[in-house]
Amino acid sequence: MTGPWIAIDAPRLATVRRTPLRATFVERPHRFAARCVLRGGHDAVAHVPNPGRLTGVLSPRCQVLLDGPYPPTRALAYTMVAARACGGGLTTRSCGPSRPPAAGRGAGPVWVGTNTIYANRVFPALVSAGLFPELNGTSIRAEVVHGRSRFDFRVGAVMVEVKSVTLASGAAGRFPDAVSARAARHCDELAALSASGHPAAIVFVAQRGDVESVAPEDEVDPAFGLALRAAAKAGVMVLACALDIIPEGATRARRLPVALPESNRRAG
């Protein structure tokens, strides 16, 4: 069941600027770069800190938010931190400049965080706000090494991996939007940890406020879907939430249910 919105004290989307620059997306020449046009008509190439396809998020002429400019020694002067996507699922059409409705109040253009690391940056604020009572530890450590594995966080005794969700199909957030052997491996590592008696969790953070659940995207990566289901059966907690994103950053969050129906797809 989808939970109520809770105000959170989250970090800003941008780290160089207080408020990101608005620009228009033109194209993504390769996975980690986007060609954009600034409001004054100047071209800018921005780093895209997201290894996924950003399906349904980036479309020609959609609005994007850029952090920067960074020092000239940096390869790309800007970083894309968010894009305005048409709410309600997959689309390739451009979303206009109209103000989006409040998250959770119907389909419409919505800001989607495009920096994968932002989900990790927000995670401590989610725990502090009590969004995940299952993770009731009093301490949070980042980048924790356990055996041969490295996990995003340890909350109390619980090892946690955080996954950023940007893809949506209708009101359902989907992960991943591209094949991710790394994400499947994380599921396997968490499952082994749980089977040995160590508490573990995977947390999906949807960087968009227009979704009401999260599920594995079996059509894109059936191997991940199988690994996630196996991890859940091994006792790994599978949790999710959505963020209400504005240009300054996430202002609130709510819990989402995770749907794990039996997949009819096979890996390979």
Protein backbone atom coordinates (compact mmCIF):
# COMPACT_ATOMS: atom_id res chain seq x y z
CA MET A 1 0.00 0.00 0.00
CA THR A 2 1.27 3.45 -0.92
CA GLY A 3 2.09 5.50 2.16
CA PRO A 4 1.52 9.19 2.90
CA TRP A 5 3.93 11.88 1.84
CA ILE A 6 6.49 12.77 4.52
CA ALA A 7 8.62 15.92 4.48
CA ILE A 8 12.34 15.17 4.32
CA ASP A 9 15.47 17.26 4.80
CA ALA A 10 17.19 16.14 1.61
CA PRO A 11 20.33 17.52 -0.04
CA ARG A 12 20.02 19.75 -3.06
CA LEU A 13 20.09 18.33 -6.57
CA ALA A 14 22.87 20.73 -7.54
CA THR A 15 26.16 21.01 -5.70
CA VAL A 16 27.76 23.92 -7.58
CA ARG A 17 24.67 26.10 -7.95
CA ARG A 18 21.97 26.81 -5.40
CA THR A 19 19.35 26.41 -8.13
CA PRO A 20 20.09 24.44 -11.34
CA LEU A 21 20.09 26.07 -14.76
CA ARG A 22 17.16 25.28 -17.03
CA ALA A 23 17.95 24.05 -20.53
CA THR A 24 16.40 22.19 -23.44
CA PHE A 25 17.56 18.68 -24.23
CA VAL A 26 18.64 18.04 -27.83
CA GLU A 27 20.30 14.64 -28.00
CA ARG A 28 22.39 12.13 -26.10
CA PRO A 29 25.42 11.46 -28.31
CA HIS A 30 26.58 8.73 -25.95
CA ARG A 31 25.53 7.27 -22.63
CA PHE A 32 27.24 9.80 -20.37
CA ALA A 33 26.70 13.03 -22.33
CA ALA A 34 23.77 15.17 -23.43
CA ARG A 35 23.72 18.08 -25.84
CA CYS A 36 21.49 20.87 -24.56
CA VAL A 37 20.60 24.47 -25.34
CA LEU A 38 20.68 27.01 -22.52
CA ARG A 39 17.97 29.64 -22.20
CA GLY A 40 20.15 32.25 -23.90
CA GLY A 41 20.50 30.00 -26.95
CA HIS A 42 24.02 28.80 -26.20
CA ASP A 43 24.89 25.15 -26.73
CA ALA A 44 26.10 23.13 -23.75
CA VAL A 45 27.23 19.54 -23.39
CA ALA A 46 26.41 18.07 -19.99
CA HIS A 47 27.60 14.98 -18.19
CA VAL A 48 24.78 12.47 -17.63
CA PRO A 49 25.61 10.62 -14.39
CA ASN A 50 23.36 7.68 -15.18
CA PRO A 51 24.39 4.45 -16.95
CA GLY A 52 20.79 3.59 -17.86
CA ARG A 53 18.83 4.50 -20.97
CA LEU A 54 16.55 7.02 -19.21
CA THR A 55 13.71 5.61 -21.29
CA GLY A 56 10.63 7.83 -21.11
CA VAL A 57 12.60 10.52 -19.27
CA LEU A 58 14.74 12.16 -21.95
CA SER A 59 12.90 13.15 -25.10
CA PRO A 60 13.64 15.78 -27.77
CA ARG A 61 13.01 19.34 -26.54
CA CYS A 62 12.22 18.26 -22.98
CA GLN A 63 13.34 20.58 -20.19
CA VAL A 64 16.37 19.57 -18.15
CA LEU A 65 18.17 20.95 -15.11
CA LEU A 66 21.94 21.48 -15.22
CA ASP A 67 24.44 21.99 -12.44
CA GLY A 68 27.55 24.04 -13.22
CA PRO A 69 29.53 25.45 -14.86
CA TYR A 70 32.41 23.53 -13.37
CA PRO A 71 36.07 24.63 -13.65
CA PRO A 72 37.58 24.57 -17.15
CA THR A 73 39.76 21.59 -16.18
CA ARG A 74 36.65 19.41 -16.15
CA ALA A 75 35.86 17.58 -19.41
CA LEU A 76 32.23 18.75 -19.48
CA ALA A 77 31.18 22.06 -17.96
CA TYR A 78 27.75 20.91 -16.77
CA THR A 79 26.02 17.94 -15.14
CA MET A 80 22.41 17.02 -15.83
CA VAL A 81 20.58 16.51 -12.53
CA ALA A 82 16.93 16.21 -13.63
CA ALA A 83 14.60 16.16 -16.62
CA ARG A 84 10.92 16.96 -16.99
CA ALA A 85 9.12 13.84 -18.17
CA CYS A 86 5.51 13.37 -19.16
CA GLY A 87 3.78 11.61 -16.29
CA GLY A 88 1.88 8.39 -16.69
CA GLY A 89 4.43 6.12 -18.30
CA LEU A 90 6.66 5.59 -21.32
CA THR A 91 6.73 8.36 -23.91
CA THR A 92 9.00 9.88 -26.51
CA ARG A 93 7.11 13.12 -26.98
CA SER A 94 8.26 16.43 -25.57
CA CYS A 95 6.71 17.84 -22.40
CA GLY A 96 5.92 21.51 -22.44
CA PRO A 97 7.00 24.14 -19.95
CA SER A 98 3.78 24.14 -17.94
CA ARG A 99 4.11 23.64 -14.19
CA PRO A 100 3.54 19.98 -13.21
CA PRO A 101 0.76 19.07 -10.80
CA ALA A 102 1.70 18.14 -7.26
CA ALA A 103 3.13 14.67 -7.12
CA GLY A 104 0.55 12.00 -6.54
CA ARG A 105 -2.30 14.13 -7.91
CA GLY A 106 -2.67 12.78 -11.40
CA ALA A 107 -0.60 12.42 -14.54
CA GLY A 108 1.30 15.39 -15.88
CA PRO A 109 4.84 16.61 -16.46
CA VAL A 110 7.05 15.69 -13.52
CA TRP A 111 10.68 16.31 -12.64
CA VAL A 112 12.74 13.12 -12.61
CA GLY A 113 16.15 13.00 -10.98
CA THR A 114 18.72 11.78 -13.50
CA ASN A 115 21.75 11.52 -11.22
CA THR A 116 21.92 7.94 -9.96
CA ILE A 117 24.03 8.99 -6.97
CA TYR A 118 21.31 11.37 -5.74
CA ALA A 119 19.30 8.36 -4.51
CA ASN A 120 22.25 7.45 -2.28
CA ARG A 121 22.67 11.04 -1.13
CA VAL A 122 19.00 11.19 -0.10
CA PHE A 123 18.94 7.79 1.62
CA PRO A 124 20.19 8.96 5.06
CA ALA A 125 17.45 11.61 5.10
CA LEU A 126 14.85 8.92 4.34
CA VAL A 127 16.04 6.82 7.25
CA SER A 128 16.16 9.84 9.57
CA ALA A 129 12.58 10.72 8.61
CA GLY A 130 11.42 7.26 9.68
CA LEU A 131 10.37 6.21 6.20
CA PHE A 132 11.85 2.74 6.70
CA PRO A 133 11.08 1.53 10.24
CA GLU A 134 12.48 -1.86 9.21
CA LEU A 135 15.88 -0.19 9.22
CA ASN A 136 15.82 0.88 12.85
CA GLY A 137 19.55 1.18 13.46
CA THR A 138 20.87 4.27 15.19
CA SER A 139 23.95 4.51 12.97
CA ILE A 140 24.39 4.80 9.20
CA ARG A 141 27.68 4.05 7.48
CA ALA A 142 28.29 4.43 3.75
CA GLU A 143 30.43 2.27 1.44
CA VAL A 144 30.77 -0.68 3.80
CA VAL A 145 33.06 -3.58 2.91
CA HIS A 146 31.91 -7.03 3.98
CA GLY A 147 34.07 -9.91 2.84
CA ARG A 148 34.66 -9.44 -0.89
CA SER A 149 31.58 -7.26 -1.30
CA ARG A 150 31.03 -3.53 -0.90
CA PHE A 151 27.56 -2.31 0.03
CA ASP A 152 26.09 1.18 -0.18
CA PHE A 153 25.16 1.44 3.49
CA ARG A 154 25.01 -0.32 6.81
CA VAL A 155 22.08 0.83 8.94
CA GLY A 156 22.60 -0.66 12.36
CA ALA A 157 23.31 -4.29 11.50
CA VAL A 158 21.50 -4.24 8.13
CA MET A 159 23.51 -4.14 4.90
CA VAL A 160 21.69 -2.03 2.31
CA GLU A 161 21.94 -1.56 -1.44
CA VAL A 162 20.15 1.47 -2.94
CA LYS A 163 18.83 1.43 -6.51
CA SER A 164 17.71 4.56 -8.35
CA VAL A 165 14.46 4.18 -10.33
CA THR A 166 13.64 6.51 -13.23
CA LEU A 167 11.63 4.28 -15.58
CA ALA A 168 7.84 4.25 -15.26
CA SER A 169 5.08 2.29 -16.94
CA GLY A 170 1.76 3.80 -16.01
CA ALA A 171 1.84 4.32 -12.24
CA ALA A 172 4.50 1.64 -11.71
CA GLY A 173 8.18 2.41 -11.34
CA ARG A 174 10.39 -0.15 -13.06
CA PHE A 175 14.00 -1.19 -12.57
CA PRO A 176 16.29 -1.45 -14.42
CA ASP A 177 15.89 0.44 -17.69
CA ALA A 178 18.97 -1.30 -19.13
CA VAL A 179 20.60 -4.66 -18.50
CA SER A 180 22.55 -4.47 -15.24
CA ALA A 181 24.67 -7.47 -14.36
CA ARG A 182 26.02 -5.43 -11.45
CA ALA A 183 22.55 -5.01 -9.93
CA ALA A 184 21.85 -8.75 -10.29
CA ARG A 185 25.17 -9.49 -8.60
CA HIS A 186 24.22 -7.22 -5.71
CA CYS A 187 21.02 -9.23 -5.27
CA ASP A 188 23.04 -12.46 -5.17
CA GLU A 189 25.44 -11.01 -2.60
CA LEU A 190 22.60 -9.78 -0.39
CA ALA A 191 20.88 -13.16 -0.68
CA ALA A 192 24.05 -14.95 0.45
CA LEU A 193 24.38 -12.51 3.32
CA SER A 194 20.79 -13.08 4.42
CA ALA A 195 21.13 -16.86 4.13
CA SER A 196 24.11 -16.68 6.51
CA GLY A 197 21.97 -14.95 9.12
CA HIS A 198 22.99 -11.33 8.43
CA PRO A 199 20.08 -8.89 7.83
CA ALA A 200 20.10 -7.29 4.38
CA ALA A 201 17.90 -5.00 2.32
CA ILE A 202 17.60 -3.56 -1.16
CA VAL A 203 15.92 -0.16 -1.34
CA PHE A 204 14.47 1.21 -4.57
CA VAL A 205 14.34 5.01 -4.63
CA ALA A 206 12.09 6.30 -7.41
CA GLN A 207 13.36 9.74 -8.33
CA ARG A 208 9.92 10.79 -9.48
CA GLY A 209 6.70 11.45 -7.59
CA ASP A 210 4.17 10.04 -10.06
CA VAL A 211 4.59 6.31 -9.34
CA GLU A 212 2.65 4.24 -6.83
CA SER A 213 4.62 0.99 -6.84
CA VAL A 214 7.93 -0.49 -7.96
CA ALA A 215 8.57 -3.76 -9.80
CA PRO A 216 11.43 -5.41 -11.68
CA GLU A 217 11.43 -4.71 -15.41
CA ASP A 218 11.60 -8.30 -16.64
CA GLU A 219 11.29 -7.32 -20.29
CA VAL A 220 14.54 -5.36 -20.06
CA ASP A 221 16.56 -7.55 -17.69
CA PRO A 222 15.01 -10.92 -16.80
CA ALA A 223 18.20 -11.99 -15.01
CA PHE A 224 17.83 -9.14 -12.54
CA GLY A 225 14.17 -10.00 -11.96
CA LEU A 226 15.08 -13.59 -11.15
CA ALA A 227 17.92 -12.48 -8.85
CA LEU A 228 15.66 -10.03 -7.01
CA ARG A 229 12.97 -12.66 -6.44
CA ALA A 230 15.58 -15.14 -5.22
CA ALA A 231 16.94 -12.54 -2.81
CA ALA A 232 13.47 -11.86 -1.44
CA LYS A 233 12.90 -15.58 -0.91
CA ALA A 234 16.24 -15.75 0.90
CA GLY A 235 14.99 -13.16 3.38
CA VAL A 236 16.34 -9.93 1.92
CA MET A 237 14.00 -7.04 2.68
CA VAL A 238 12.85 -5.39 -0.58
CA LEU A 239 11.70 -1.83 0.10
CA ALA A 240 10.80 1.17 -2.04
CA CYS A 241 9.85 4.83 -1.93
CA ALA A 242 9.17 7.76 -4.26
CA LEU A 243 10.63 11.24 -4.11
CA ASP A 244 8.78 14.46 -4.89
CA ILE A 245 11.40 16.31 -6.95
CA ILE A 246 11.53 20.06 -7.55
CA PRO A 247 14.49 21.97 -9.10
CA GLU A 248 16.07 22.51 -5.69
CA GLY A 249 15.85 18.82 -4.75
CA ALA A 250 13.56 16.29 -3.07
CA THR A 251 11.09 17.89 -0.67
CA ARG A 252 9.17 14.83 0.51
CA ALA A 253 8.96 11.09 0.12
CA ARG A 254 6.49 8.26 0.52
CA ARG A 255 6.68 4.50 0.85
CA LEU A 256 5.73 2.37 -2.13
CA PRO A 257 4.85 -1.31 -2.33
CA VAL A 258 7.15 -3.59 -4.30
CA ALA A 259 5.38 -5.97 -6.70
CA LEU A 260 7.17 -9.29 -7.26
CA PRO A 261 4.81 -11.37 -9.41
CA GLU A 262 6.20 -14.56 -10.86
CA SER A 263 8.02 -13.74 -14.04
CA ASN A 264 7.22 -15.57 -17.26
CA ARG A 265 10.56 -14.52 -18.71
CA ARG A 266 13.76 -16.54 -18.48
CA ALA A 267 17.27 -15.23 -18.29
CA GLY A 268 19.49 -15.88 -21.29
